[in-house]
PDB file of N, CA and C in Angstrom:
ATOM      1  N   MET A   1    -125.266 100.627 -70.969  1.00  0.00           N
ATOM      2  CA  MET A   1    -125.147 101.206 -70.562  1.00  0.00           C
ATOM      3  C   MET A   1    -126.280 102.304 -69.997  1.00  0.00           C
ATOM      4  N   ALA A   2    -126.155 101.763 -68.438  1.00  0.00           N
ATOM      5  CA  ALA A   2    -127.538 102.356 -67.431  1.00  0.00           C
ATOM      6  C   ALA A   2    -127.302 103.723 -66.599  1.00  0.00           C
ATOM      7  N   HIS A   3    -127.914 104.949 -67.056  1.00  0.00           N
ATOM      8  CA  HIS A   3    -127.657 105.734 -65.711  1.00  0.00           C
ATOM      9  C   HIS A   3    -128.312 105.841 -64.278  1.00  0.00           C
ATOM     10  N   TYR A   4    -127.391 106.191 -63.789  1.00  0.00           N
ATOM     11  CA  TYR A   4    -127.727 106.166 -61.802  1.00  0.00           C
ATOM     12  C   TYR A   4    -127.834 107.385 -61.460  1.00  0.00           C
ATOM     13  N   ILE A   5    -128.554 107.357 -60.492  1.00  0.00           N
ATOM     14  CA  ILE A   5    -128.476 108.467 -59.343  1.00  0.00           C
ATOM     15  C   ILE A   5    -127.887 107.680 -57.838  1.00  0.00           C
ATOM     16  N   ILE A   6    -127.074 108.044 -57.317  1.00  0.00           N
ATOM     17  CA  ILE A   6    -126.315 107.328 -55.950  1.00  0.00           C
ATOM     18  C   ILE A   6    -126.193 108.170 -55.294  1.00  0.00           C
ATOM     19  N   SER A   7    -126.736 108.174 -53.886  1.00  0.00           N
ATOM     20  CA  SER A   7    -126.910 109.013 -52.990  1.00  0.00           C
ATOM     21  C   SER A   7    -126.477 107.821 -51.845  1.00  0.00           C
ATOM     22  N   TYR A   8    -125.781 108.751 -50.692  1.00  0.00           N
ATOM     23  CA  TYR A   8    -125.235 108.047 -49.404  1.00  0.00           C
ATOM     24  C   TYR A   8    -125.230 109.072 -48.200  1.00  0.00           C
ATOM     25  N   ASP A   9    -125.295 108.615 -46.857  1.00  0.00           N
ATOM     26  CA  ASP A   9    -125.533 109.353 -45.963  1.00  0.00           C
ATOM     27  C   ASP A   9    -124.048 108.622 -44.962  1.00  0.00           C
ATOM     28  N   LEU A  10    -123.144 109.005 -45.085  1.00  0.00           N
ATOM     29  CA  LEU A  10    -122.406 108.594 -43.712  1.00  0.00           C
ATOM     30  C   LEU A  10    -122.359 109.192 -42.537  1.00  0.00           C
ATOM     31  N   HIS A  11    -122.601 108.096 -41.498  1.00  0.00           N
ATOM     32  CA  HIS A  11    -123.288 108.710 -40.503  1.00  0.00           C
ATOM     33  C   HIS A  11    -121.681 109.149 -39.996  1.00  0.00           C
ATOM     34  N   ASN A  12    -121.339 108.346 -38.390  1.00  0.00           N
ATOM     35  CA  ASN A  12    -120.521 108.478 -37.735  1.00  0.00           C
ATOM     36  C   ASN A  12    -118.606 108.907 -37.731  1.00  0.00           C
ATOM     37  N   GLN A  13    -118.258 107.861 -38.537  1.00  0.00           N
ATOM     38  CA  GLN A  13    -116.970 108.560 -38.606  1.00  0.00           C
ATOM     39  C   GLN A  13    -116.891 109.515 -39.871  1.00  0.00           C
ATOM     40  N   ARG A  14    -117.549 109.232 -40.934  1.00  0.00           N
ATOM     41  CA  ARG A  14    -117.649 110.521 -42.252  1.00  0.00           C
ATOM     42  C   ARG A  14    -116.728 110.259 -42.769  1.00  0.00           C
ATOM     43  N   ASN A  15    -116.051 109.098 -43.254  1.00  0.00           N
ATOM     44  CA  ASN A  15    -114.617 108.819 -43.852  1.00  0.00           C
ATOM     45  C   ASN A  15    -115.470 108.946 -45.219  1.00  0.00           C
ATOM     46  N   TYR A  16    -115.320 110.247 -46.318  1.00  0.00           N
ATOM     47  CA  TYR A  16    -115.913 110.452 -47.485  1.00  0.00           C
ATOM     48  C   TYR A  16    -114.637 110.123 -48.564  1.00  0.00           C
ATOM     49  N   GLU A  17    -113.263 110.101 -48.109  1.00  0.00           N
ATOM     50  CA  GLU A  17    -112.315 109.731 -49.013  1.00  0.00           C
ATOM     51  C   GLU A  17    -112.328 108.423 -49.725  1.00  0.00           C
ATOM     52  N   PRO A  18    -112.856 107.480 -49.658  1.00  0.00           N
ATOM     53  CA  PRO A  18    -113.050 105.741 -49.888  1.00  0.00           C
ATOM     54  C   PRO A  18    -113.990 106.017 -50.851  1.00  0.00           C
ATOM     55  N   VAL A  19    -115.244 106.446 -50.831  1.00  0.00           N
ATOM     56  CA  VAL A  19    -116.561 106.685 -51.685  1.00  0.00           C
ATOM     57  C   VAL A  19    -116.794 107.959 -52.412  1.00  0.00           C
ATOM     58  N   TRP A  20    -115.115 108.715 -52.537  1.00  0.00           N
ATOM     59  CA  TRP A  20    -115.169 109.743 -53.689  1.00  0.00           C
ATOM     60  C   TRP A  20    -114.449 109.022 -54.192  1.00  0.00           C
ATOM     61  N   ASP A  21    -113.172 108.608 -54.135  1.00  0.00           N
ATOM     62  CA  ASP A  21    -112.900 108.217 -54.891  1.00  0.00           C
ATOM     63  C   ASP A  21    -113.113 106.743 -55.854  1.00  0.00           C
ATOM     64  N   GLN A  22    -113.827 105.937 -55.024  1.00  0.00           N
ATOM     65  CA  GLN A  22    -115.057 104.841 -56.195  1.00  0.00           C
ATOM     66  C   GLN A  22    -115.836 105.634 -57.251  1.00  0.00           C
ATOM     67  N   LEU A  23    -116.520 106.654 -56.657  1.00  0.00           N
ATOM     68  CA  LEU A  23    -117.120 107.510 -57.312  1.00  0.00           C
ATOM     69  C   LEU A  23    -116.451 108.249 -58.923  1.00  0.00           C
ATOM     70  N   GLY A  24    -115.361 108.651 -58.382  1.00  0.00           N
ATOM     71  CA  GLY A  24    -114.940 108.985 -59.260  1.00  0.00           C
ATOM     72  C   GLY A  24    -113.629 108.526 -59.950  1.00  0.00           C
ATOM     73  N   ALA A  25    -113.429 107.276 -59.860  1.00  0.00           N
ATOM     74  CA  ALA A  25    -112.993 105.678 -60.673  1.00  0.00           C
ATOM     75  C   ALA A  25    -113.877 105.439 -61.580  1.00  0.00           C
ATOM     76  N   TRP A  26    -115.464 105.415 -60.981  1.00  0.00           N
ATOM     77  CA  TRP A  26    -116.655 105.625 -61.752  1.00  0.00           C
ATOM     78  C   TRP A  26    -116.801 106.583 -63.010  1.00  0.00           C
ATOM     79  N   GLY A  27    -116.370 107.672 -62.907  1.00  0.00           N
ATOM     80  CA  GLY A  27    -116.403 108.198 -63.694  1.00  0.00           C
ATOM     81  C   GLY A  27    -118.041 109.574 -63.169  1.00  0.00           C
ATOM     82  N   ALA A  28    -118.139 109.379 -61.619  1.00  0.00           N
ATOM     83  CA  ALA A  28    -119.511 110.000 -61.770  1.00  0.00           C
ATOM     84  C   ALA A  28    -119.355 111.119 -61.739  1.00  0.00           C
ATOM     85  N   VAL A  29    -120.670 112.239 -61.806  1.00  0.00           N
ATOM     86  CA  VAL A  29    -120.349 113.367 -61.557  1.00  0.00           C
ATOM     87  C   VAL A  29    -121.513 113.815 -60.273  1.00  0.00           C
ATOM     88  N   ARG A  30    -120.998 114.847 -59.457  1.00  0.00           N
ATOM     89  CA  ARG A  30    -121.659 115.536 -58.514  1.00  0.00           C
ATOM     90  C   ARG A  30    -122.805 116.145 -58.920  1.00  0.00           C
ATOM     91  N   LEU A  31    -123.919 116.502 -58.178  1.00  0.00           N
ATOM     92  CA  LEU A  31    -124.719 117.231 -58.137  1.00  0.00           C
ATOM     93  C   LEU A  31    -124.794 117.586 -57.197  1.00  0.00           C
ATOM     94  N   LEU A  32    -125.599 116.786 -56.155  1.00  0.00           N
ATOM     95  CA  LEU A  32    -125.161 117.504 -54.566  1.00  0.00           C
ATOM     96  C   LEU A  32    -124.456 117.251 -53.796  1.00  0.00           C
ATOM     97  N   GLU A  33    -123.970 117.457 -52.495  1.00  0.00           N
ATOM     98  CA  GLU A  33    -122.936 116.803 -51.102  1.00  0.00           C
ATOM     99  C   GLU A  33    -122.984 115.448 -51.594  1.00  0.00           C
ATOM    100  N   SER A  34    -124.203 114.980 -51.512  1.00  0.00           N
ATOM    101  CA  SER A  34    -123.920 113.345 -51.434  1.00  0.00           C
ATOM    102  C   SER A  34    -124.938 112.732 -52.413  1.00  0.00           C
ATOM    103  N   LEU A  35    -125.154 112.929 -53.804  1.00  0.00           N
ATOM    104  CA  LEU A  35    -125.894 112.708 -54.601  1.00  0.00           C
ATOM    105  C   LEU A  35    -125.224 112.716 -56.233  1.00  0.00           C
ATOM    106  N   TRP A  36    -124.877 112.035 -56.589  1.00  0.00           N
ATOM    107  CA  TRP A  36    -123.992 111.594 -58.435  1.00  0.00           C
ATOM    108  C   TRP A  36    -124.748 110.986 -58.915  1.00  0.00           C
ATOM    109  N   VAL A  37    -124.443 111.281 -60.274  1.00  0.00           N
ATOM    110  CA  VAL A  37    -124.522 110.864 -61.777  1.00  0.00           C
ATOM    111  C   VAL A  37    -123.777 110.205 -62.279  1.00  0.00           C
ATOM    112  N   LEU A  38    -124.045 109.275 -62.583  1.00  0.00           N
ATOM    113  CA  LEU A  38    -123.321 107.882 -63.453  1.00  0.00           C
ATOM    114  C   LEU A  38    -123.748 107.673 -64.508  1.00  0.00           C
ATOM    115  N   THR A  39    -123.112 107.326 -65.531  1.00  0.00           N
ATOM    116  CA  THR A  39    -123.561 106.050 -66.753  1.00  0.00           C
ATOM    117  C   THR A  39    -122.284 104.950 -66.487  1.00  0.00           C
ATOM    118  N   SER A  40    -122.616 103.877 -66.456  1.00  0.00           N
ATOM    119  CA  SER A  40    -122.069 102.364 -66.177  1.00  0.00           C
ATOM    120  C   SER A  40    -122.729 101.373 -67.137  1.00  0.00           C
ATOM    121  N   GLY A  41    -122.172 100.146 -66.802  1.00  0.00           N
ATOM    122  CA  GLY A  41    -122.091  99.112 -67.543  1.00  0.00           C
ATOM    123  C   GLY A  41    -122.391  97.901 -66.461  1.00  0.00           C
ATOM    124  N   ILE A  42    -122.403  98.538 -65.306  1.00  0.00           N
ATOM    125  CA  ILE A  42    -122.218  97.893 -63.809  1.00  0.00           C
ATOM    126  C   ILE A  42    -123.899  97.967 -63.539  1.00  0.00           C
ATOM    127  N   ASN A  43    -124.135  96.819 -62.910  1.00  0.00           N
ATOM    128  CA  ASN A  43    -125.523  96.843 -62.463  1.00  0.00           C
ATOM    129  C   ASN A  43    -125.869  97.950 -60.789  1.00  0.00           C
ATOM    130  N   ALA A  44    -126.844  97.686 -60.546  1.00  0.00           N
ATOM    131  CA  ALA A  44    -127.764  98.951 -59.374  1.00  0.00           C
ATOM    132  C   ALA A  44    -126.900  97.779 -57.906  1.00  0.00           C
ATOM    133  N   ALA A  45    -127.138  96.733 -58.387  1.00  0.00           N
ATOM    134  CA  ALA A  45    -126.798  95.959 -57.339  1.00  0.00           C
ATOM    135  C   ALA A  45    -125.262  95.990 -56.808  1.00  0.00           C
ATOM    136  N   THR A  46    -124.499  95.889 -57.477  1.00  0.00           N
ATOM    137  CA  THR A  46    -123.294  95.881 -57.849  1.00  0.00           C
ATOM    138  C   THR A  46    -122.259  97.366 -57.451  1.00  0.00           C
ATOM    139  N   LEU A  47    -123.022  98.729 -58.000  1.00  0.00           N
ATOM    140  CA  LEU A  47    -122.395  99.505 -57.619  1.00  0.00           C
ATOM    141  C   LEU A  47    -122.981  99.889 -56.282  1.00  0.00           C
ATOM    142  N   ARG A  48    -123.966  99.605 -55.877  1.00  0.00           N
ATOM    143  CA  ARG A  48    -124.200  99.644 -54.430  1.00  0.00           C
ATOM    144  C   ARG A  48    -123.558  99.157 -53.418  1.00  0.00           C
ATOM    145  N   ASP A  49    -123.097  97.446 -53.865  1.00  0.00           N
ATOM    146  CA  ASP A  49    -122.784  96.402 -53.061  1.00  0.00           C
ATOM    147  C   ASP A  49    -120.822  97.111 -52.848  1.00  0.00           C
ATOM    148  N   GLU A  50    -120.524  97.759 -53.813  1.00  0.00           N
ATOM    149  CA  GLU A  50    -119.214  97.849 -54.480  1.00  0.00           C
ATOM    150  C   GLU A  50    -119.202  99.005 -53.274  1.00  0.00           C
ATOM    151  N   LEU A  51    -120.250 100.120 -53.330  1.00  0.00           N
ATOM    152  CA  LEU A  51    -120.087 100.836 -52.574  1.00  0.00           C
ATOM    153  C   LEU A  51    -120.181 100.895 -50.641  1.00  0.00           C
ATOM    154  N   ARG A  52    -120.639  99.888 -50.676  1.00  0.00           N
ATOM    155  CA  ARG A  52    -120.862  99.552 -49.243  1.00  0.00           C
ATOM    156  C   ARG A  52    -119.216  98.846 -48.741  1.00  0.00           C
ATOM    157  N   GLY A  53    -118.473  98.323 -49.647  1.00  0.00           N
ATOM    158  CA  GLY A  53    -117.293  98.219 -48.538  1.00  0.00           C
ATOM    159  C   GLY A  53    -116.403  99.158 -48.704  1.00  0.00           C
ATOM    160  N   LYS A  54    -116.585 100.296 -48.733  1.00  0.00           N
ATOM    161  CA  LYS A  54    -115.885 101.790 -48.818  1.00  0.00           C
ATOM    162  C   LYS A  54    -116.371 102.116 -47.718  1.00  0.00           C
ATOM    163  N   MET A  55    -117.312 101.613 -47.322  1.00  0.00           N
ATOM    164  CA  MET A  55    -118.220 102.501 -45.946  1.00  0.00           C
ATOM    165  C   MET A  55    -118.494 101.557 -44.489  1.00  0.00           C
ATOM    166  N   ASP A  56    -118.837 102.285 -43.345  1.00  0.00           N
ATOM    167  CA  ASP A  56    -118.831 102.000 -42.072  1.00  0.00           C
ATOM    168  C   ASP A  56    -120.631 101.204 -42.219  1.00  0.00           C
ATOM    169  N   GLY A  57    -120.094 100.270 -41.068  1.00  0.00           N
ATOM    170  CA  GLY A  57    -122.001  99.321 -41.009  1.00  0.00           C
ATOM    171  C   GLY A  57    -123.388 100.420 -40.859  1.00  0.00           C
ATOM    172  N   ASP A  58    -122.832 101.398 -40.360  1.00  0.00           N
ATOM    173  CA  ASP A  58    -123.637 102.458 -39.870  1.00  0.00           C
ATOM    174  C   ASP A  58    -124.129 103.308 -41.139  1.00  0.00           C
ATOM    175  N   ASP A  59    -123.319 103.191 -41.709  1.00  0.00           N
ATOM    176  CA  ASP A  59    -123.672 104.172 -43.446  1.00  0.00           C
ATOM    177  C   ASP A  59    -125.185 103.746 -44.098  1.00  0.00           C
ATOM    178  N   SER A  60    -125.245 104.424 -45.728  1.00  0.00           N
ATOM    179  CA  SER A  60    -126.841 104.470 -46.017  1.00  0.00           C
ATOM    180  C   SER A  60    -126.373 104.706 -47.501  1.00  0.00           C
ATOM    181  N   VAL A  61    -126.909 103.932 -48.481  1.00  0.00           N
ATOM    182  CA  VAL A  61    -126.379 104.377 -50.264  1.00  0.00           C
ATOM    183  C   VAL A  61    -128.074 103.795 -50.628  1.00  0.00           C
ATOM    184  N   ALA A  62    -127.519 104.334 -51.412  1.00  0.00           N
ATOM    185  CA  ALA A  62    -128.761 104.183 -52.743  1.00  0.00           C
ATOM    186  C   ALA A  62    -128.668 104.179 -54.010  1.00  0.00           C
ATOM    187  N   VAL A  63    -129.017 103.541 -54.618  1.00  0.00           N
ATOM    188  CA  VAL A  63    -128.752 103.473 -56.321  1.00  0.00           C
ATOM    189  C   VAL A  63    -130.021 103.109 -56.764  1.00  0.00           C
ATOM    190  N   ILE A  64    -130.283 104.168 -57.984  1.00  0.00           N
ATOM    191  CA  ILE A  64    -131.456 104.446 -58.149  1.00  0.00           C
ATOM    192  C   ILE A  64    -131.314 104.856 -59.979  1.00  0.00           C
ATOM    193  N   GLU A  65    -131.665 103.756 -61.095  1.00  0.00           N
ATOM    194  CA  GLU A  65    -131.352 103.651 -61.858  1.00  0.00           C
ATOM    195  C   GLU A  65    -132.378 104.992 -63.117  1.00  0.00           C
ATOM    196  N   LEU A  66    -131.942 105.719 -63.766  1.00  0.00           N
ATOM    197  CA  LEU A  66    -132.728 107.078 -64.280  1.00  0.00           C
ATOM    198  C   LEU A  66    -132.582 106.058 -65.970  1.00  0.00           C
ATOM    199  N   LYS A  67    -134.379 106.642 -65.924  1.00  0.00           N
ATOM    200  CA  LYS A  67    -134.559 106.460 -67.464  1.00  0.00           C
ATOM    201  C   LYS A  67    -134.489 107.567 -68.720  1.00  0.00           C
ATOM    202  N   PRO A  68    -134.884 107.473 -69.891  1.00  0.00           N
ATOM    203  CA  PRO A  68    -134.517 108.706 -71.046  1.00  0.00           C
ATOM    204  C   PRO A  68    -135.747 109.093 -70.805  1.00  0.00           C
ATOM    205  N   GLY A  69    -136.244 110.254 -70.501  1.00  0.00           N
ATOM    206  CA  GLY A  69    -137.211 110.762 -70.644  1.00  0.00           C
ATOM    207  C   GLY A  69    -137.787 111.288 -69.073  1.00  0.00           C
ATOM    208  N   SER A  70    -137.111 110.501 -68.530  1.00  0.00           N
ATOM    209  CA  SER A  70    -137.546 111.353 -66.907  1.00  0.00           C
ATOM    210  C   SER A  70    -137.132 113.130 -66.768  1.00  0.00           C
ATOM    211  N   GLU A  71    -138.613 113.028 -65.878  1.00  0.00           N
ATOM    212  CA  GLU A  71    -138.913 114.271 -65.404  1.00  0.00           C
ATOM    213  C   GLU A  71    -137.230 114.698 -64.154  1.00  0.00           C
ATOM    214  N   TRP A  72    -136.912 115.813 -64.563  1.00  0.00           N
ATOM    215  CA  TRP A  72    -135.878 116.474 -63.426  1.00  0.00           C
ATOM    216  C   TRP A  72    -136.036 117.716 -63.176  1.00  0.00           C
ATOM    217  N   GLY A  73    -135.542 118.417 -62.370  1.00  0.00           N
ATOM    218  CA  GLY A  73    -135.356 119.514 -61.900  1.00  0.00           C
ATOM    219  C   GLY A  73    -134.460 119.826 -60.860  1.00  0.00           C
ATOM    220  N   SER A  74    -133.396 121.133 -60.921  1.00  0.00           N
ATOM    221  CA  SER A  74    -132.677 121.280 -59.704  1.00  0.00           C
ATOM    222  C   SER A  74    -132.398 122.634 -59.718  1.00  0.00           C
ATOM    223  N   TRP A  75    -131.892 122.689 -58.762  1.00  0.00           N
ATOM    224  CA  TRP A  75    -131.806 124.448 -58.082  1.00  0.00           C
ATOM    225  C   TRP A  75    -130.512 124.255 -57.173  1.00  0.00           C
ATOM    226  N   ASN A  76    -129.895 125.280 -57.913  1.00  0.00           N
ATOM    227  CA  ASN A  76    -128.717 125.571 -57.170  1.00  0.00           C
ATOM    228  C   ASN A  76    -127.041 124.434 -56.587  1.00  0.00           C
ATOM    229  N   ALA A  77    -127.739 123.384 -57.498  1.00  0.00           N
ATOM    230  CA  ALA A  77    -126.556 122.404 -57.942  1.00  0.00           C
ATOM    231  C   ALA A  77    -125.705 122.263 -58.148  1.00  0.00           C
ATOM    232  N   LYS A  78    -124.826 121.419 -58.299  1.00  0.00           N
ATOM    233  CA  LYS A  78    -123.314 121.343 -58.814  1.00  0.00           C
ATOM    234  C   LYS A  78    -123.719 121.835 -60.332  1.00  0.00           C
ATOM    235  N   GLN A  79    -123.181 122.229 -61.113  1.00  0.00           N
ATOM    236  CA  GLN A  79    -122.982 122.661 -62.389  1.00  0.00           C
ATOM    237  C   GLN A  79    -122.365 121.140 -63.319  1.00  0.00           C
ATOM    238  N   ALA A  80    -121.199 120.867 -63.270  1.00  0.00           N
ATOM    239  CA  ALA A  80    -121.136 119.726 -63.644  1.00  0.00           C
ATOM    240  C   ALA A  80    -122.343 118.518 -63.854  1.00  0.00           C
ATOM    241  N   GLY A  81    -122.693 118.483 -62.780  1.00  0.00           N
ATOM    242  CA  GLY A  81    -124.036 117.452 -62.471  1.00  0.00           C
ATOM    243  C   GLY A  81    -125.299 117.955 -63.656  1.00  0.00           C
ATOM    244  N   VAL A  82    -125.783 119.324 -62.966  1.00  0.00           N
ATOM    245  CA  VAL A  82    -127.253 119.583 -64.196  1.00  0.00           C
ATOM    246  C   VAL A  82    -126.608 119.583 -65.558  1.00  0.00           C
ATOM    247  N   ASP A  83    -125.202 119.680 -65.941  1.00  0.00           N
ATOM    248  CA  ASP A  83    -124.509 119.388 -67.563  1.00  0.00           C
ATOM    249  C   ASP A  83    -124.911 118.015 -67.904  1.00  0.00           C
ATOM    250  N   TRP A  84    -124.686 117.231 -66.527  1.00  0.00           N
ATOM    251  CA  TRP A  84    -124.680 115.480 -67.077  1.00  0.00           C
ATOM    252  C   TRP A  84    -126.101 115.061 -67.411  1.00  0.00           C
ATOM    253  N   LEU A  85    -127.121 115.687 -66.291  1.00  0.00           N
ATOM    254  CA  LEU A  85    -128.628 115.713 -66.736  1.00  0.00           C
ATOM    255  C   LEU A  85    -129.193 116.056 -67.860  1.00  0.00           C
ATOM    256  N   SER A  86    -128.454 117.160 -68.265  1.00  0.00           N
ATOM    257  CA  SER A  86    -128.930 117.746 -69.809  1.00  0.00           C
ATOM    258  C   SER A  86    -128.347 116.985 -70.416  1.00  0.00           C
ATOM    259  N   ARG A  87    -127.620 116.389 -70.993  1.00  0.00           N
ATOM    260  CA  ARG A  87    -126.661 115.351 -71.790  1.00  0.00           C
ATOM    261  C   ARG A  87    -127.169 114.177 -71.749  1.00  0.00           C
ATOM    262  N   ASN A  88    -127.667 113.568 -70.805  1.00  0.00           N
ATOM    263  CA  ASN A  88    -127.830 111.668 -70.465  1.00  0.00           C
ATOM    264  C   ASN A  88    -129.403 112.053 -70.033  1.00  0.00           C
ATOM    265  N   ILE A  89    -130.441 112.831 -69.662  1.00  0.00           N
ATOM    266  CA  ILE A  89    -131.481 112.737 -69.302  1.00  0.00           C
ATOM    267  C   ILE A  89    -132.236 113.304 -70.030  1.00  0.00           C
ATOM    268  N   GLN A  90    -132.578 113.154 -71.702  1.00  0.00           N
ATOM    269  CA  GLN A  90    -133.535 114.184 -72.455  1.00  0.00           C
ATOM    270  C   GLN A  90    -134.977 114.001 -71.893  1.00  0.00           C
ATOM    271  N   ARG A  91    -135.245 115.195 -71.675  1.00  0.00           N
ATOM    272  CA  ARG A  91    -136.808 115.401 -71.281  1.00  0.00           C
ATOM    273  C   ARG A  91    -137.739 115.432 -72.169  1.00  0.00           C
ATOM    274  N   TYR A  92    -138.509 114.760 -72.256  1.00  0.00           N
ATOM    275  CA  TYR A  92    -139.489 114.843 -73.567  1.00  0.00           C
ATOM    276  C   TYR A  92    -140.737 115.939 -73.531  1.00  0.00           C
TER     277      TYR A  92
END
Protein backbone atom coordinates (compact mmCIF):
# COMPACT_ATOMS: atom_id res chain seq x y z
CA MET A 1 0.00 0.00 0.00
CA ALA A 2 1.22 3.48 -0.85
CA HIS A 3 0.24 6.93 0.41
CA TYR A 4 -0.71 9.62 -2.10
CA ILE A 5 -1.61 13.27 -2.40
CA ILE A 6 -4.18 13.89 -5.12
CA SER A 7 -4.77 17.42 -6.38
CA TYR A 8 -7.04 18.58 -9.18
CA ASP A 9 -8.33 21.69 -10.93
CA LEU A 10 -11.70 21.62 -12.65
CA HIS A 11 -11.92 24.49 -15.10
CA ASN A 12 -15.03 25.21 -17.17
CA GLN A 13 -17.95 22.98 -16.16
CA ARG A 14 -16.65 22.20 -12.67
CA ASN A 15 -18.66 19.03 -12.20
CA TYR A 16 -17.17 17.94 -8.87
CA GLU A 17 -19.54 15.13 -7.89
CA PRO A 18 -18.04 12.35 -10.06
CA VAL A 19 -14.54 13.22 -8.81
CA TRP A 20 -15.67 13.38 -5.18
CA ASP A 21 -17.59 10.12 -5.55
CA GLN A 22 -14.51 8.34 -6.91
CA LEU A 23 -12.24 9.75 -4.20
CA GLY A 24 -14.76 8.72 -1.56
CA ALA A 25 -15.03 5.22 -3.01
CA TRP A 26 -11.26 4.89 -2.62
CA GLY A 27 -11.42 6.10 0.99
CA ALA A 28 -9.56 9.35 0.29
CA VAL A 29 -9.67 12.13 2.88
CA ARG A 30 -9.87 15.83 2.01
CA LEU A 31 -7.02 18.01 3.27
CA LEU A 32 -7.84 21.19 1.28
CA GLU A 33 -10.64 22.06 -1.14
CA SER A 34 -9.02 20.30 -4.11
CA LEU A 35 -6.33 18.28 -2.34
CA TRP A 36 -6.95 14.83 -0.93
CA VAL A 37 -4.82 12.16 0.77
CA LEU A 38 -5.19 8.44 0.21
CA THR A 39 -3.69 5.07 1.05
CA SER A 40 -4.10 2.63 -1.83
CA GLY A 41 -2.71 -0.46 -3.48
CA ILE A 42 -3.41 1.15 -6.86
CA ASN A 43 -0.41 2.83 -8.53
CA ALA A 44 -0.29 6.58 -9.17
CA ALA A 45 -0.75 6.36 -12.95
CA THR A 46 -3.87 4.21 -12.60
CA LEU A 47 -5.35 6.53 -9.96
CA ARG A 48 -4.68 9.47 -12.30
CA ASP A 49 -6.25 7.73 -15.28
CA GLU A 50 -9.36 6.69 -13.33
CA LEU A 51 -9.87 10.27 -12.14
CA ARG A 52 -9.31 11.62 -15.67
CA GLY A 53 -12.27 9.49 -16.72
CA LYS A 54 -14.45 11.52 -14.31
CA MET A 55 -13.22 14.91 -15.62
CA ASP A 56 -13.54 17.09 -18.70
CA GLY A 57 -10.68 17.38 -21.19
CA ASP A 58 -9.58 20.80 -19.91
CA ASP A 59 -9.32 19.71 -16.25
CA SER A 60 -6.06 18.85 -14.46
CA VAL A 61 -5.02 16.20 -11.94
CA ALA A 62 -1.80 15.21 -10.16
CA VAL A 63 -1.17 12.10 -8.06
CA ILE A 64 2.01 12.19 -5.96
CA GLU A 65 3.31 9.43 -3.69
CA LEU A 66 4.18 10.36 -0.10
CA LYS A 67 6.86 8.43 1.74
CA PRO A 68 7.11 7.82 5.50
CA GLY A 69 9.31 10.50 7.00
CA SER A 70 8.23 13.14 4.50
CA GLU A 71 8.14 16.57 6.07
CA TRP A 72 4.75 18.24 6.14
CA GLY A 73 2.97 21.14 7.76
CA SER A 74 -0.48 22.64 7.40
CA TRP A 75 -2.50 25.64 8.45
CA ASN A 76 -6.29 25.95 8.34
CA ALA A 77 -6.50 22.54 6.67
CA LYS A 78 -9.43 20.20 7.19
CA GLN A 79 -8.93 18.29 10.44
CA ALA A 80 -9.67 14.88 8.92
CA GLY A 81 -6.81 15.39 6.46
CA VAL A 82 -4.42 16.57 9.17
CA ASP A 83 -5.35 13.53 11.26
CA TRP A 84 -4.66 11.28 8.24
CA LEU A 85 -1.22 12.83 7.80
CA SER A 86 -0.46 12.41 11.50
CA ARG A 87 -1.41 8.72 11.37
CA ASN A 88 0.18 7.82 8.06
CA ILE A 89 3.19 10.06 7.45
CA GLN A 90 5.40 9.72 10.49
CA ARG A 91 7.80 12.61 10.78
CA TYR A 92 11.29 11.72 12.02
